[in-house]
């Protein structure tokens, strides 16, 4: 399934206080390029941590028939974001029930997340 369509959803580092934006952006670009080089059709959506995020995610997940939606570690890991993470997972599951849902540890490990769920 080398032509699988992949959507990576993460947080916009520019909207987060106390983050090394350049380092995060380098990691996200590296991870995105790895997925592309592996032959997947990939898009990335980086959302701010505000009330606009769910609508942005809804629009993205229904824009195409995704085979995999990767939910980034920035959304999944911090305990204060548990409710947001839960909402994102349920939104993806509801809007694109045929898509596999994967989780990366950070922007650089999206390829491994995609390969895990497609194997």
PDB file of N, CA and C in Angstrom:
ATOM      1  N   UNK A   1       0.840  -1.180   0.000  1.00  0.00           N
ATOM      2  CA  UNK A   1       0.000   0.000   0.000  1.00  0.00           C
ATOM      3  C   UNK A   1       0.889   1.250   0.000  1.00  0.00           C
ATOM      4  N   UNK A   2       1.838   1.298  -0.911  1.00  0.00           N
ATOM      5  CA  UNK A   2       2.808   2.392  -0.938  1.00  0.00           C
ATOM      6  C   UNK A   2       2.199   3.724  -1.360  1.00  0.00           C
ATOM      7  N   UNK A   3       0.995   3.723  -1.908  1.00  0.00           N
ATOM      8  CA  UNK A   3       0.370   4.983  -2.288  1.00  0.00           C
ATOM      9  C   UNK A   3      -0.722   5.393  -1.301  1.00  0.00           C
ATOM     10  N   UNK A   4      -0.632   4.905  -0.098  1.00  0.00           N
ATOM     11  CA  UNK A   4      -1.633   5.256   0.916  1.00  0.00           C
ATOM     12  C   UNK A   4      -1.613   6.755   1.175  1.00  0.00           C
ATOM     13  N   UNK A   5      -2.798   7.298   1.434  1.00  0.00           N
ATOM     14  CA  UNK A   5      -2.943   8.718   1.767  1.00  0.00           C
ATOM     15  C   UNK A   5      -2.841   8.863   3.286  1.00  0.00           C
ATOM     16  N   UNK A   6      -1.943   9.746   3.714  1.00  0.00           N
ATOM     17  CA  UNK A   6      -1.654   9.917   5.136  1.00  0.00           C
ATOM     18  C   UNK A   6      -1.857  11.380   5.529  1.00  0.00           C
ATOM     19  N   UNK A   7      -2.581  11.593   6.600  1.00  0.00           N
ATOM     20  CA  UNK A   7      -2.727  12.925   7.194  1.00  0.00           C
ATOM     21  C   UNK A   7      -2.052  12.900   8.559  1.00  0.00           C
ATOM     22  N   UNK A   8      -1.148  13.828   8.778  1.00  0.00           N
ATOM     23  CA  UNK A   8      -0.492  13.959  10.081  1.00  0.00           C
ATOM     24  C   UNK A   8      -1.065  15.203  10.755  1.00  0.00           C
ATOM     25  N   UNK A   9      -1.621  15.026  11.942  1.00  0.00           N
ATOM     26  CA  UNK A   9      -2.224  16.132  12.690  1.00  0.00           C
ATOM     27  C   UNK A   9      -1.369  16.406  13.922  1.00  0.00           C
ATOM     28  N   UNK A  10      -0.953  17.652  14.057  1.00  0.00           N
ATOM     29  CA  UNK A  10      -0.131  18.031  15.202  1.00  0.00           C
ATOM     30  C   UNK A  10      -0.435  19.446  15.642  1.00  0.00           C
ATOM     31  N   UNK A  11       0.284  19.871  16.646  1.00  0.00           N
ATOM     32  CA  UNK A  11       0.124  21.226  17.155  1.00  0.00           C
ATOM     33  C   UNK A  11       1.079  22.173  16.448  1.00  0.00           C
ATOM     34  N   UNK A  12       0.616  23.373  16.202  1.00  0.00           N
ATOM     35  CA  UNK A  12       1.435  24.420  15.613  1.00  0.00           C
ATOM     36  C   UNK A  12       2.386  24.935  16.685  1.00  0.00           C
ATOM     37  N   UNK A  13       3.661  24.667  16.509  1.00  0.00           N
ATOM     38  CA  UNK A  13       4.651  25.059  17.521  1.00  0.00           C
ATOM     39  C   UNK A  13       4.718  26.569  17.705  1.00  0.00           C
ATOM     40  N   UNK A  14       4.348  27.322  16.681  1.00  0.00           N
ATOM     41  CA  UNK A  14       4.372  28.782  16.768  1.00  0.00           C
ATOM     42  C   UNK A  14       3.316  29.311  17.730  1.00  0.00           C
ATOM     43  N   UNK A  15       2.336  28.485  18.059  1.00  0.00           N
ATOM     44  CA  UNK A  15       1.252  28.910  18.944  1.00  0.00           C
ATOM     45  C   UNK A  15       1.447  28.427  20.386  1.00  0.00           C
ATOM     46  N   UNK A  16       2.589  27.812  20.655  1.00  0.00           N
ATOM     47  CA  UNK A  16       2.827  27.251  21.985  1.00  0.00           C
ATOM     48  C   UNK A  16       3.948  28.000  22.690  1.00  0.00           C
ATOM     49  N   UNK A  17       3.701  28.429  23.915  1.00  0.00           N
ATOM     50  CA  UNK A  17       4.757  29.138  24.660  1.00  0.00           C
ATOM     51  C   UNK A  17       5.846  28.174  25.135  1.00  0.00           C
ATOM     52  N   UNK A  18       7.059  28.684  25.208  1.00  0.00           N
ATOM     53  CA  UNK A  18       8.165  27.913  25.777  1.00  0.00           C
ATOM     54  C   UNK A  18       8.673  26.785  24.917  1.00  0.00           C
ATOM     55  N   UNK A  19       8.399  26.818  23.632  1.00  0.00           N
ATOM     56  CA  UNK A  19       8.809  25.754  22.725  1.00  0.00           C
ATOM     57  C   UNK A  19       9.952  26.263  21.849  1.00  0.00           C
ATOM     58  N   UNK A  20      10.932  25.405  21.590  1.00  0.00           N
ATOM     59  CA  UNK A  20      11.986  25.739  20.638  1.00  0.00           C
ATOM     60  C   UNK A  20      11.404  25.515  19.244  1.00  0.00           C
ATOM     61  N   UNK A  21      10.804  26.572  18.695  1.00  0.00           N
ATOM     62  CA  UNK A  21      10.062  26.483  17.442  1.00  0.00           C
ATOM     63  C   UNK A  21      10.932  25.950  16.308  1.00  0.00           C
ATOM     64  N   UNK A  22      12.159  26.437  16.198  1.00  0.00           N
ATOM     65  CA  UNK A  22      13.033  25.993  15.106  1.00  0.00           C
ATOM     66  C   UNK A  22      13.324  24.500  15.195  1.00  0.00           C
ATOM     67  N   UNK A  23      13.582  24.012  16.390  1.00  0.00           N
ATOM     68  CA  UNK A  23      13.868  22.581  16.561  1.00  0.00           C
ATOM     69  C   UNK A  23      12.637  21.737  16.231  1.00  0.00           C
ATOM     70  N   UNK A  24      11.487  22.165  16.713  1.00  0.00           N
ATOM     71  CA  UNK A  24      10.254  21.427  16.436  1.00  0.00           C
ATOM     72  C   UNK A  24       9.969  21.437  14.941  1.00  0.00           C
ATOM     73  N   UNK A  25      10.097  22.589  14.306  1.00  0.00           N
ATOM     74  CA  UNK A  25       9.839  22.674  12.865  1.00  0.00           C
ATOM     75  C   UNK A  25      10.792  21.795  12.058  1.00  0.00           C
ATOM     76  N   UNK A  26      12.062  21.747  12.477  1.00  0.00           N
ATOM     77  CA  UNK A  26      13.022  20.867  11.788  1.00  0.00           C
ATOM     78  C   UNK A  26      12.590  19.406  11.930  1.00  0.00           C
ATOM     79  N   UNK A  27      12.172  19.022  13.124  1.00  0.00           N
ATOM     80  CA  UNK A  27      11.726  17.646  13.344  1.00  0.00           C
ATOM     81  C   UNK A  27      10.492  17.308  12.531  1.00  0.00           C
ATOM     82  N   UNK A  28       9.549  18.240  12.448  1.00  0.00           N
ATOM     83  CA  UNK A  28       8.333  18.006  11.667  1.00  0.00           C
ATOM     84  C   UNK A  28       8.651  17.886  10.180  1.00  0.00           C
ATOM     85  N   UNK A  29       9.511  18.756   9.675  1.00  0.00           N
ATOM     86  CA  UNK A  29       9.893  18.708   8.257  1.00  0.00           C
ATOM     87  C   UNK A  29      10.627  17.405   7.941  1.00  0.00           C
ATOM     88  N   UNK A  30      11.516  16.994   8.842  1.00  0.00           N
ATOM     89  CA  UNK A  30      12.257  15.740   8.674  1.00  0.00           C
ATOM     90  C   UNK A  30      11.281  14.557   8.622  1.00  0.00           C
ATOM     91  N   UNK A  31      10.361  14.514   9.548  1.00  0.00           N
ATOM     92  CA  UNK A  31       9.398  13.414   9.596  1.00  0.00           C
ATOM     93  C   UNK A  31       8.507  13.379   8.372  1.00  0.00           C
ATOM     94  N   UNK A  32       8.037  14.535   7.948  1.00  0.00           N
ATOM     95  CA  UNK A  32       7.180  14.630   6.765  1.00  0.00           C
ATOM     96  C   UNK A  32       7.925  14.150   5.522  1.00  0.00           C
ATOM     97  N   UNK A  33       9.163  14.570   5.374  1.00  0.00           N
ATOM     98  CA  UNK A  33       9.964  14.156   4.222  1.00  0.00           C
ATOM     99  C   UNK A  33      10.208  12.645   4.231  1.00  0.00           C
ATOM    100  N   UNK A  34      10.429  12.068   5.396  1.00  0.00           N
ATOM    101  CA  UNK A  34      10.623  10.613   5.489  1.00  0.00           C
ATOM    102  C   UNK A  34       9.405   9.863   4.988  1.00  0.00           C
ATOM    103  N   UNK A  35       8.218  10.349   5.342  1.00  0.00           N
ATOM    104  CA  UNK A  35       6.977   9.697   4.901  1.00  0.00           C
ATOM    105  C   UNK A  35       6.838   9.830   3.382  1.00  0.00           C
ATOM    106  N   UNK A  36       7.142  11.003   2.848  1.00  0.00           N
ATOM    107  CA  UNK A  36       7.077  11.220   1.388  1.00  0.00           C
ATOM    108  C   UNK A  36       8.061  10.307   0.644  1.00  0.00           C
ATOM    109  N   UNK A  37       9.289  10.266   1.141  1.00  0.00           N
ATOM    110  CA  UNK A  37      10.322   9.457   0.479  1.00  0.00           C
ATOM    111  C   UNK A  37       9.944   7.979   0.506  1.00  0.00           C
ATOM    112  N   UNK A  38       9.231   7.559   1.516  1.00  0.00           N
ATOM    113  CA  UNK A  38       8.788   6.166   1.599  1.00  0.00           C
ATOM    114  C   UNK A  38       7.670   5.854   0.603  1.00  0.00           C
ATOM    115  N   UNK A  39       7.171   6.890  -0.081  1.00  0.00           N
ATOM    116  CA  UNK A  39       6.200   6.659  -1.142  1.00  0.00           C
ATOM    117  C   UNK A  39       4.755   6.950  -0.785  1.00  0.00           C
ATOM    118  N   UNK A  40       4.516   7.491   0.387  1.00  0.00           N
ATOM    119  CA  UNK A  40       3.147   7.797   0.790  1.00  0.00           C
ATOM    120  C   UNK A  40       2.752   9.191   0.334  1.00  0.00           C
ATOM    121  N   UNK A  41       1.486   9.377   0.064  1.00  0.00           N
ATOM    122  CA  UNK A  41       0.939  10.701  -0.243  1.00  0.00           C
ATOM    123  C   UNK A  41       0.556  11.311   1.095  1.00  0.00           C
ATOM    124  N   UNK A  42       1.275  12.332   1.517  1.00  0.00           N
ATOM    125  CA  UNK A  42       1.141  12.818   2.887  1.00  0.00           C
ATOM    126  C   UNK A  42       0.875  14.311   2.922  1.00  0.00           C
ATOM    127  N   UNK A  43       0.023  14.692   3.855  1.00  0.00           N
ATOM    128  CA  UNK A  43      -0.215  16.091   4.175  1.00  0.00           C
ATOM    129  C   UNK A  43      -0.121  16.241   5.678  1.00  0.00           C
ATOM    130  N   UNK A  44       0.240  17.444   6.094  1.00  0.00           N
ATOM    131  CA  UNK A  44       0.376  17.719   7.523  1.00  0.00           C
ATOM    132  C   UNK A  44      -0.514  18.900   7.883  1.00  0.00           C
ATOM    133  N   UNK A  45      -1.231  18.768   8.976  1.00  0.00           N
ATOM    134  CA  UNK A  45      -2.057  19.844   9.506  1.00  0.00           C
ATOM    135  C   UNK A  45      -1.552  20.175  10.899  1.00  0.00           C
ATOM    136  N   UNK A  46      -1.112  21.403  11.078  1.00  0.00           N
ATOM    137  CA  UNK A  46      -0.646  21.869  12.384  1.00  0.00           C
ATOM    138  C   UNK A  46      -1.651  22.892  12.887  1.00  0.00           C
ATOM    139  N   UNK A  47      -2.273  22.598  14.012  1.00  0.00           N
ATOM    140  CA  UNK A  47      -3.344  23.448  14.528  1.00  0.00           C
ATOM    141  C   UNK A  47      -2.907  24.187  15.784  1.00  0.00           C
ATOM    142  N   UNK A  48      -3.474  25.374  15.998  1.00  0.00           N
ATOM    143  CA  UNK A  48      -3.222  26.063  17.263  1.00  0.00           C
ATOM    144  C   UNK A  48      -4.028  25.379  18.356  1.00  0.00           C
ATOM    145  N   UNK A  49      -3.620  25.579  19.560  1.00  0.00           N
ATOM    146  CA  UNK A  49      -4.332  24.980  20.686  1.00  0.00           C
ATOM    147  C   UNK A  49      -5.413  25.973  21.135  1.00  0.00           C
ATOM    148  N   UNK A  50      -6.446  26.095  20.310  1.00  0.00           N
ATOM    149  CA  UNK A  50      -7.550  26.988  20.638  1.00  0.00           C
ATOM    150  C   UNK A  50      -8.851  26.413  20.077  1.00  0.00           C
ATOM    151  N   UNK A  51      -9.906  27.184  20.158  1.00  0.00           N
ATOM    152  CA  UNK A  51     -11.234  26.705  19.763  1.00  0.00           C
ATOM    153  C   UNK A  51     -11.352  26.454  18.260  1.00  0.00           C
ATOM    154  N   UNK A  52     -10.420  26.945  17.457  1.00  0.00           N
ATOM    155  CA  UNK A  52     -10.487  26.711  16.014  1.00  0.00           C
ATOM    156  C   UNK A  52      -9.961  25.330  15.615  1.00  0.00           C
ATOM    157  N   UNK A  53      -9.212  24.681  16.481  1.00  0.00           N
ATOM    158  CA  UNK A  53      -8.569  23.410  16.138  1.00  0.00           C
ATOM    159  C   UNK A  53      -9.557  22.322  15.702  1.00  0.00           C
ATOM    160  N   UNK A  54     -10.639  22.062  16.453  1.00  0.00           N
ATOM    161  CA  UNK A  54     -11.546  20.994  16.008  1.00  0.00           C
ATOM    162  C   UNK A  54     -12.120  21.227  14.611  1.00  0.00           C
ATOM    163  N   UNK A  55     -12.493  22.462  14.292  1.00  0.00           N
ATOM    164  CA  UNK A  55     -13.027  22.734  12.960  1.00  0.00           C
ATOM    165  C   UNK A  55     -11.970  22.529  11.878  1.00  0.00           C
ATOM    166  N   UNK A  56     -10.742  22.942  12.156  1.00  0.00           N
ATOM    167  CA  UNK A  56      -9.663  22.730  11.183  1.00  0.00           C
ATOM    168  C   UNK A  56      -9.433  21.246  10.947  1.00  0.00           C
ATOM    169  N   UNK A  57      -9.466  20.480  12.025  1.00  0.00           N
ATOM    170  CA  UNK A  57      -9.260  19.025  11.903  1.00  0.00           C
ATOM    171  C   UNK A  57     -10.423  18.393  11.147  1.00  0.00           C
ATOM    172  N   UNK A  58     -11.654  18.780  11.480  1.00  0.00           N
ATOM    173  CA  UNK A  58     -12.820  18.246  10.758  1.00  0.00           C
ATOM    174  C   UNK A  58     -12.703  18.501   9.264  1.00  0.00           C
ATOM    175  N   UNK A  59     -12.360  19.725   8.887  1.00  0.00           N
ATOM    176  CA  UNK A  59     -12.228  20.062   7.464  1.00  0.00           C
ATOM    177  C   UNK A  59     -11.158  19.207   6.796  1.00  0.00           C
ATOM    178  N   UNK A  60     -10.057  19.010   7.478  1.00  0.00           N
ATOM    179  CA  UNK A  60      -8.955  18.232   6.892  1.00  0.00           C
ATOM    180  C   UNK A  60      -9.315  16.758   6.744  1.00  0.00           C
ATOM    181  N   UNK A  61      -9.935  16.180   7.755  1.00  0.00           N
ATOM    182  CA  UNK A  61     -10.190  14.733   7.684  1.00  0.00           C
ATOM    183  C   UNK A  61     -11.268  14.373   6.664  1.00  0.00           C
ATOM    184  N   UNK A  62     -12.158  15.302   6.353  1.00  0.00           N
ATOM    185  CA  UNK A  62     -13.186  14.989   5.355  1.00  0.00           C
ATOM    186  C   UNK A  62     -12.784  15.458   3.953  1.00  0.00           C
ATOM    187  N   UNK A  63     -11.628  16.093   3.816  1.00  0.00           N
ATOM    188  CA  UNK A  63     -11.206  16.635   2.523  1.00  0.00           C
ATOM    189  C   UNK A  63     -10.764  15.561   1.535  1.00  0.00           C
ATOM    190  N   UNK A  64     -10.364  14.398   2.048  1.00  0.00           N
ATOM    191  CA  UNK A  64      -9.907  13.294   1.208  1.00  0.00           C
ATOM    192  C   UNK A  64     -10.239  11.983   1.897  1.00  0.00           C
ATOM    193  N   UNK A  65     -10.067  10.900   1.163  1.00  0.00           N
ATOM    194  CA  UNK A  65     -10.239   9.567   1.744  1.00  0.00           C
ATOM    195  C   UNK A  65      -8.886   9.138   2.306  1.00  0.00           C
ATOM    196  N   UNK A  66      -8.648   9.397   3.575  1.00  0.00           N
ATOM    197  CA  UNK A  66      -7.368   9.079   4.205  1.00  0.00           C
ATOM    198  C   UNK A  66      -7.303   7.600   4.544  1.00  0.00           C
ATOM    199  N   UNK A  67      -6.135   7.008   4.329  1.00  0.00           N
ATOM    200  CA  UNK A  67      -5.900   5.630   4.753  1.00  0.00           C
ATOM    201  C   UNK A  67      -5.380   5.587   6.181  1.00  0.00           C
ATOM    202  N   UNK A  68      -4.623   6.614   6.546  1.00  0.00           N
ATOM    203  CA  UNK A  68      -4.047   6.700   7.889  1.00  0.00           C
ATOM    204  C   UNK A  68      -4.109   8.152   8.346  1.00  0.00           C
ATOM    205  N   UNK A  69      -4.507   8.332   9.594  1.00  0.00           N
ATOM    206  CA  UNK A  69      -4.407   9.642  10.240  1.00  0.00           C
ATOM    207  C   UNK A  69      -3.482   9.456  11.435  1.00  0.00           C
ATOM    208  N   UNK A  70      -2.358  10.177  11.404  1.00  0.00           N
ATOM    209  CA  UNK A  70      -1.392  10.126  12.503  1.00  0.00           C
ATOM    210  C   UNK A  70      -1.679  11.297  13.432  1.00  0.00           C
ATOM    211  N   UNK A  71      -1.876  11.004  14.703  1.00  0.00           N
ATOM    212  CA  UNK A  71      -2.078  12.042  15.712  1.00  0.00           C
ATOM    213  C   UNK A  71      -0.769  12.193  16.462  1.00  0.00           C
ATOM    214  N   UNK A  72      -0.220  13.401  16.399  1.00  0.00           N
ATOM    215  CA  UNK A  72       1.108  13.662  16.914  1.00  0.00           C
ATOM    216  C   UNK A  72       1.243  13.584  18.422  1.00  0.00           C
ATOM    217  N   UNK A  73       2.482  13.339  18.830  1.00  0.00           N
ATOM    218  CA  UNK A  73       2.809  13.239  20.246  1.00  0.00           C
ATOM    219  C   UNK A  73       2.542  14.509  21.021  1.00  0.00           C
ATOM    220  N   UNK A  74       2.620  15.667  20.356  1.00  0.00           N
ATOM    221  CA  UNK A  74       2.324  16.926  21.038  1.00  0.00           C
ATOM    222  C   UNK A  74       0.885  17.016  21.495  1.00  0.00           C
ATOM    223  N   UNK A  75      -0.002  16.334  20.783  1.00  0.00           N
ATOM    224  CA  UNK A  75      -1.410  16.273  21.173  1.00  0.00           C
ATOM    225  C   UNK A  75      -1.627  15.156  22.176  1.00  0.00           C
ATOM    226  N   UNK A  76      -0.947  14.053  21.985  1.00  0.00           N
ATOM    227  CA  UNK A  76      -1.199  12.840  22.764  1.00  0.00           C
ATOM    228  C   UNK A  76      -0.523  12.812  24.128  1.00  0.00           C
ATOM    229  N   UNK A  77       0.671  13.344  24.233  1.00  0.00           N
ATOM    230  CA  UNK A  77       1.471  13.129  25.433  1.00  0.00           C
ATOM    231  C   UNK A  77       1.137  13.992  26.648  1.00  0.00           C
ATOM    232  N   UNK A  78       1.007  15.298  26.497  1.00  0.00           N
ATOM    233  CA  UNK A  78       0.842  16.105  27.721  1.00  0.00           C
ATOM    234  C   UNK A  78      -0.494  15.811  28.419  1.00  0.00           C
ATOM    235  N   UNK A  79      -0.429  15.430  29.669  1.00  0.00           N
ATOM    236  CA  UNK A  79      -1.645  15.099  30.408  1.00  0.00           C
ATOM    237  C   UNK A  79      -2.673  16.225  30.418  1.00  0.00           C
ATOM    238  N   UNK A  80      -2.274  17.493  30.490  1.00  0.00           N
ATOM    239  CA  UNK A  80      -3.282  18.554  30.442  1.00  0.00           C
ATOM    240  C   UNK A  80      -4.089  18.579  29.137  1.00  0.00           C
ATOM    241  N   UNK A  81      -3.589  17.928  28.082  1.00  0.00           N
ATOM    242  CA  UNK A  81      -4.304  17.893  26.809  1.00  0.00           C
ATOM    243  C   UNK A  81      -5.132  16.624  26.635  1.00  0.00           C
ATOM    244  N   UNK A  82      -5.343  15.872  27.691  1.00  0.00           N
ATOM    245  CA  UNK A  82      -6.074  14.617  27.596  1.00  0.00           C
ATOM    246  C   UNK A  82      -7.441  14.790  26.936  1.00  0.00           C
ATOM    247  N   UNK A  83      -8.215  15.773  27.357  1.00  0.00           N
ATOM    248  CA  UNK A  83      -9.546  15.970  26.773  1.00  0.00           C
ATOM    249  C   UNK A  83      -9.454  16.370  25.305  1.00  0.00           C
ATOM    250  N   UNK A  84      -8.472  17.190  24.956  1.00  0.00           N
ATOM    251  CA  UNK A  84      -8.276  17.575  23.563  1.00  0.00           C
ATOM    252  C   UNK A  84      -7.895  16.349  22.733  1.00  0.00           C
ATOM    253  N   UNK A  85      -6.967  15.552  23.231  1.00  0.00           N
ATOM    254  CA  UNK A  85      -6.552  14.324  22.557  1.00  0.00           C
ATOM    255  C   UNK A  85      -7.755  13.406  22.337  1.00  0.00           C
ATOM    256  N   UNK A  86      -8.546  13.222  23.360  1.00  0.00           N
ATOM    257  CA  UNK A  86      -9.738  12.386  23.285  1.00  0.00           C
ATOM    258  C   UNK A  86     -10.693  12.911  22.201  1.00  0.00           C
ATOM    259  N   UNK A  87     -10.890  14.227  22.170  1.00  0.00           N
ATOM    260  CA  UNK A  87     -11.769  14.831  21.166  1.00  0.00           C
ATOM    261  C   UNK A  87     -11.228  14.612  19.755  1.00  0.00           C
ATOM    262  N   UNK A  88      -9.915  14.736  19.575  1.00  0.00           N
ATOM    263  CA  UNK A  88      -9.309  14.540  18.258  1.00  0.00           C
ATOM    264  C   UNK A  88      -9.483  13.097  17.806  1.00  0.00           C
ATOM    265  N   UNK A  89      -9.213  12.142  18.682  1.00  0.00           N
ATOM    266  CA  UNK A  89      -9.365  10.721  18.321  1.00  0.00           C
ATOM    267  C   UNK A  89     -10.808  10.427  17.931  1.00  0.00           C
ATOM    268  N   UNK A  90     -11.754  10.893  18.718  1.00  0.00           N
ATOM    269  CA  UNK A  90     -13.162  10.634  18.408  1.00  0.00           C
ATOM    270  C   UNK A  90     -13.612  11.345  17.137  1.00  0.00           C
ATOM    271  N   UNK A  91     -13.102  12.527  16.900  1.00  0.00           N
ATOM    272  CA  UNK A  91     -13.421  13.255  15.673  1.00  0.00           C
ATOM    273  C   UNK A  91     -12.923  12.477  14.454  1.00  0.00           C
ATOM    274  N   UNK A  92     -11.686  12.025  14.498  1.00  0.00           N
ATOM    275  CA  UNK A  92     -11.124  11.252  13.388  1.00  0.00           C
ATOM    276  C   UNK A  92     -11.904   9.963  13.204  1.00  0.00           C
ATOM    277  N   UNK A  93     -12.158   9.255  14.273  1.00  0.00           N
ATOM    278  CA  UNK A  93     -12.881   7.984  14.209  1.00  0.00           C
ATOM    279  C   UNK A  93     -14.276   8.171  13.617  1.00  0.00           C
ATOM    280  N   UNK A  94     -14.958   9.231  13.989  1.00  0.00           N
ATOM    281  CA  UNK A  94     -16.309   9.491  13.516  1.00  0.00           C
ATOM    282  C   UNK A  94     -16.327   9.939  12.059  1.00  0.00           C
ATOM    283  N   UNK A  95     -15.407  10.827  11.691  1.00  0.00           N
ATOM    284  CA  UNK A  95     -15.424  11.416  10.344  1.00  0.00           C
ATOM    285  C   UNK A  95     -14.801  10.528   9.279  1.00  0.00           C
ATOM    286  N   UNK A  96     -13.813   9.730   9.636  1.00  0.00           N
ATOM    287  CA  UNK A  96     -13.171   8.835   8.664  1.00  0.00           C
ATOM    288  C   UNK A  96     -13.010   7.448   9.291  1.00  0.00           C
ATOM    289  N   UNK A  97     -14.123   6.751   9.487  1.00  0.00           N
ATOM    290  CA  UNK A  97     -14.076   5.464  10.193  1.00  0.00           C
ATOM    291  C   UNK A  97     -13.241   4.392   9.493  1.00  0.00           C
ATOM    292  N   UNK A  98     -13.023   4.520   8.196  1.00  0.00           N
ATOM    293  CA  UNK A  98     -12.222   3.515   7.491  1.00  0.00           C
ATOM    294  C   UNK A  98     -10.722   3.744   7.655  1.00  0.00           C
ATOM    295  N   UNK A  99     -10.331   4.927   8.103  1.00  0.00           N
ATOM    296  CA  UNK A  99      -8.905   5.228   8.240  1.00  0.00           C
ATOM    297  C   UNK A  99      -8.322   4.556   9.478  1.00  0.00           C
ATOM    298  N   UNK A 100      -7.112   4.105   9.341  1.00  0.00           N
ATOM    299  CA  UNK A 100      -6.360   3.631  10.498  1.00  0.00           C
ATOM    300  C   UNK A 100      -5.919   4.866  11.277  1.00  0.00           C
ATOM    301  N   UNK A 101      -5.878   4.756  12.586  1.00  0.00           N
ATOM    302  CA  UNK A 101      -5.396   5.849  13.428  1.00  0.00           C
ATOM    303  C   UNK A 101      -4.058   5.421  14.005  1.00  0.00           C
ATOM    304  N   UNK A 102      -3.061   6.271  13.833  1.00  0.00           N
ATOM    305  CA  UNK A 102      -1.723   5.972  14.321  1.00  0.00           C
ATOM    306  C   UNK A 102      -1.256   7.107  15.223  1.00  0.00           C
ATOM    307  N   UNK A 103      -0.267   6.819  16.045  1.00  0.00           N
ATOM    308  CA  UNK A 103       0.280   7.805  16.974  1.00  0.00           C
ATOM    309  C   UNK A 103       1.797   7.818  16.840  1.00  0.00           C
ATOM    310  N   UNK A 104       2.351   9.015  16.701  1.00  0.00           N
ATOM    311  CA  UNK A 104       3.806   9.101  16.666  1.00  0.00           C
ATOM    312  C   UNK A 104       4.325   9.585  18.015  1.00  0.00           C
ATOM    313  N   UNK A 105       5.592   9.355  18.236  1.00  0.00           N
ATOM    314  CA  UNK A 105       6.224   9.820  19.474  1.00  0.00           C
ATOM    315  C   UNK A 105       6.630  11.278  19.341  1.00  0.00           C
ATOM    316  N   UNK A 106       7.021  11.649  18.116  1.00  0.00           N
ATOM    317  CA  UNK A 106       7.374  13.026  17.784  1.00  0.00           C
ATOM    318  C   UNK A 106       7.309  13.131  16.273  1.00  0.00           C
ATOM    319  N   UNK A 107       7.542  14.334  15.745  1.00  0.00           N
ATOM    320  CA  UNK A 107       7.429  14.545  14.305  1.00  0.00           C
ATOM    321  C   UNK A 107       8.315  13.666  13.466  1.00  0.00           C
ATOM    322  N   UNK A 108       9.420  13.207  14.008  1.00  0.00           N
ATOM    323  CA  UNK A 108      10.349  12.375  13.262  1.00  0.00           C
ATOM    324  C   UNK A 108       9.960  10.922  13.151  1.00  0.00           C
ATOM    325  N   UNK A 109       8.940  10.489  13.894  1.00  0.00           N
ATOM    326  CA  UNK A 109       8.577   9.066  13.897  1.00  0.00           C
ATOM    327  C   UNK A 109       7.229   8.775  13.232  1.00  0.00           C
ATOM    328  N   UNK A 110       6.772   9.697  12.394  1.00  0.00           N
ATOM    329  CA  UNK A 110       5.497   9.474  11.709  1.00  0.00           C
ATOM    330  C   UNK A 110       5.554   8.289  10.750  1.00  0.00           C
ATOM    331  N   UNK A 111       6.682   8.105  10.068  1.00  0.00           N
ATOM    332  CA  UNK A 111       6.808   6.983   9.140  1.00  0.00           C
ATOM    333  C   UNK A 111       6.609   5.656   9.863  1.00  0.00           C
ATOM    334  N   UNK A 112       7.247   5.498  11.002  1.00  0.00           N
ATOM    335  CA  UNK A 112       7.100   4.250  11.758  1.00  0.00           C
ATOM    336  C   UNK A 112       5.639   4.043  12.191  1.00  0.00           C
ATOM    337  N   UNK A 113       4.967   5.129  12.554  1.00  0.00           N
ATOM    338  CA  UNK A 113       3.559   5.034  12.958  1.00  0.00           C
ATOM    339  C   UNK A 113       2.704   4.563  11.787  1.00  0.00           C
ATOM    340  N   UNK A 114       2.945   5.128  10.611  1.00  0.00           N
ATOM    341  CA  UNK A 114       2.194   4.729   9.413  1.00  0.00           C
ATOM    342  C   UNK A 114       2.465   3.265   9.089  1.00  0.00           C
ATOM    343  N   UNK A 115       3.715   2.880   9.092  1.00  0.00           N
ATOM    344  CA  UNK A 115       4.073   1.497   8.742  1.00  0.00           C
ATOM    345  C   UNK A 115       3.486   0.497   9.741  1.00  0.00           C
ATOM    346  N   UNK A 116       3.430   0.861  11.013  1.00  0.00           N
ATOM    347  CA  UNK A 116       2.855  -0.045  12.029  1.00  0.00           C
ATOM    348  C   UNK A 116       1.408  -0.383  11.695  1.00  0.00           C
ATOM    349  N   UNK A 117       0.617   0.639  11.390  1.00  0.00           N
ATOM    350  CA  UNK A 117      -0.817   0.391  11.204  1.00  0.00           C
ATOM    351  C   UNK A 117      -1.148  -0.176   9.829  1.00  0.00           C
ATOM    352  N   UNK A 118      -0.241  -0.025   8.867  1.00  0.00           N
ATOM    353  CA  UNK A 118      -0.506  -0.569   7.528  1.00  0.00           C
ATOM    354  C   UNK A 118       0.085  -1.950   7.329  1.00  0.00           C
ATOM    355  N   UNK A 119       0.860  -2.451   8.292  1.00  0.00           N
ATOM    356  CA  UNK A 119       1.471  -3.772   8.108  1.00  0.00           C
ATOM    357  C   UNK A 119       0.514  -4.881   8.460  1.00  0.00           C
TER     358      UNK A 119
END
